[in-house]
Amino acid sequence: MTAKRYGRIGDSPVIGAGTWADNSSCAVSATGHGEFFIRYHVAADICSRMKYTGVSLDEAANTVINGVLVEAGGDGGIIAIDHDGNIAAVFNSAGMYRAQIDTDGKVKVGIYKDWIE
């Protein structure tokens, strides 16, 4: 969130909401309207969906960010990597600053929906 009020506690440092890692599924870092990310335990939920239902990182992230979070009225997104090196950068806001480098060394950066390679 741009221009957030001083003293506001965001979701990013809250374990389970804005950050989570589990060697058997994925690692997630999130940003957005923290109240929703905290309430819906977004980062941990993505990893749990992978771990317990066997869905891919992309499917788990899209379900939570573009399903659960949107239905609740929350904006934001995540960057994540699974135990096989697959990367997801999913967001439901107009833009999210992000970058990635895959296992082959391919670099991508983005702000809005499209990536720059």
Protein backbone atom coordinates (compact mmCIF):
# COMPACT_ATOMS: atom_id res chain seq x y z
CA MET A 1 0.00 0.00 0.00
CA THR A 2 1.35 3.41 -0.95
CA ALA A 3 1.31 6.20 1.65
CA LYS A 4 0.15 4.04 4.54
CA ARG A 5 -0.15 5.75 7.91
CA TYR A 6 2.79 5.76 10.30
CA GLY A 7 2.61 3.16 13.03
CA ARG A 8 0.52 0.82 10.90
CA ILE A 9 1.45 -2.84 11.24
CA GLY A 10 1.43 -4.57 7.87
CA ASP A 11 1.02 -8.23 7.02
CA SER A 12 4.48 -8.82 5.54
CA PRO A 13 6.31 -9.56 8.83
CA VAL A 14 3.45 -11.62 10.31
CA ILE A 15 4.25 -15.33 10.12
CA GLY A 16 1.49 -17.13 8.23
CA ALA A 17 -0.08 -13.96 6.85
CA GLY A 18 2.71 -12.23 4.94
CA THR A 19 5.47 -14.81 5.10
CA TRP A 20 5.60 -18.60 5.28
CA ALA A 21 7.97 -21.36 4.22
CA ASP A 22 7.60 -25.11 4.30
CA ASN A 23 10.18 -27.39 2.66
CA SER A 24 7.48 -29.84 1.55
CA SER A 25 5.44 -27.25 -0.35
CA CYS A 26 6.58 -23.66 -0.90
CA ALA A 27 7.84 -20.35 0.43
CA VAL A 28 5.65 -17.25 0.15
CA SER A 29 6.11 -13.52 0.71
CA ALA A 30 2.99 -11.35 0.55
CA THR A 31 2.05 -7.68 0.47
CA GLY A 32 -1.21 -5.79 0.36
CA HIS A 33 -4.07 -4.85 2.64
CA GLY A 34 -2.65 -6.50 5.73
CA GLU A 35 -5.88 -6.85 7.64
CA PHE A 36 -7.15 -9.30 5.01
CA PHE A 37 -3.85 -11.16 4.69
CA ILE A 38 -3.74 -11.61 8.46
CA ARG A 39 -7.40 -12.61 8.76
CA TYR A 40 -7.14 -15.19 5.96
CA HIS A 41 -3.62 -16.42 6.79
CA VAL A 42 -2.75 -15.97 3.11
CA ALA A 43 0.89 -17.11 2.90
CA ALA A 44 0.35 -20.26 4.97
CA ASP A 45 -2.94 -21.01 3.20
CA ILE A 46 -1.18 -21.17 -0.17
CA CYS A 47 1.42 -23.63 1.13
CA SER A 48 -1.24 -25.69 2.92
CA ARG A 49 -3.34 -26.00 -0.23
CA MET A 50 -0.29 -27.36 -2.05
CA LYS A 51 0.70 -29.69 0.77
CA TYR A 52 -2.71 -31.16 1.54
CA THR A 53 -4.47 -31.13 -1.84
CA GLY A 54 -1.53 -31.59 -4.22
CA VAL A 55 -2.36 -28.58 -6.40
CA SER A 56 0.39 -26.60 -8.14
CA LEU A 57 1.84 -23.39 -6.75
CA ASP A 58 0.07 -21.34 -9.45
CA GLU A 59 -3.29 -22.94 -8.70
CA ALA A 60 -2.97 -22.52 -4.94
CA ALA A 61 -1.83 -18.90 -5.24
CA ASN A 62 -4.55 -17.97 -7.74
CA THR A 63 -7.24 -19.62 -5.62
CA VAL A 64 -6.23 -17.64 -2.54
CA ILE A 65 -5.34 -14.27 -4.13
CA ASN A 66 -8.00 -14.12 -6.86
CA GLY A 67 -10.64 -16.12 -5.01
CA VAL A 68 -10.54 -16.00 -1.21
CA LEU A 69 -8.96 -12.56 -0.96
CA VAL A 70 -11.09 -10.92 -3.68
CA GLU A 71 -14.30 -12.29 -2.16
CA ALA A 72 -13.26 -10.80 1.19
CA GLY A 73 -12.47 -7.41 -0.39
CA GLY A 74 -8.67 -7.53 -0.01
CA ASP A 75 -6.08 -6.29 -2.50
CA GLY A 76 -2.48 -7.40 -2.85
CA GLY A 77 -0.31 -10.21 -4.04
CA ILE A 78 2.43 -12.73 -3.44
CA ILE A 79 5.71 -13.96 -4.77
CA ALA A 80 6.44 -17.61 -4.08
CA ILE A 81 8.64 -20.53 -5.02
CA ASP A 82 7.87 -24.21 -4.62
CA HIS A 83 10.21 -27.09 -3.73
CA ASP A 84 10.85 -27.74 -7.45
CA GLY A 85 11.89 -24.14 -8.21
CA ASN A 86 8.62 -23.08 -9.87
CA ILE A 87 7.89 -19.40 -9.26
CA ALA A 88 4.55 -17.63 -8.93
CA ALA A 89 3.87 -13.89 -8.74
CA VAL A 90 0.13 -13.47 -8.38
CA PHE A 91 -1.71 -10.26 -7.52
CA ASN A 92 -5.21 -8.82 -7.75
CA SER A 93 -4.24 -5.15 -7.55
CA ALA A 94 -3.43 -2.87 -10.50
CA GLY A 95 0.26 -3.58 -10.09
CA MET A 96 2.91 -5.15 -7.88
CA TYR A 97 6.64 -4.56 -8.13
CA ARG A 98 8.29 -7.95 -8.63
CA ALA A 99 11.25 -9.75 -10.13
CA GLN A 100 12.35 -13.33 -10.51
CA ILE A 101 15.14 -15.49 -11.79
CA ASP A 102 14.34 -19.09 -12.66
CA THR A 103 16.47 -22.21 -12.38
CA ASP A 104 17.84 -21.58 -15.90
CA GLY A 105 18.96 -18.03 -14.99
CA LYS A 106 16.17 -16.29 -16.92
CA VAL A 107 15.38 -12.91 -15.34
CA LYS A 108 11.95 -11.25 -15.48
CA VAL A 109 10.74 -8.02 -13.88
CA GLY A 110 7.32 -6.43 -13.74
CA ILE A 111 5.06 -3.84 -12.21
CA TYR A 112 1.75 -4.42 -14.01
CA LYS A 113 0.33 -7.67 -15.44
CA ASP A 114 2.96 -8.09 -18.17
CA TRP A 115 6.53 -9.20 -17.52
CA ILE A 116 9.63 -7.60 -19.05
CA GLU A 117 12.17 -10.21 -20.06
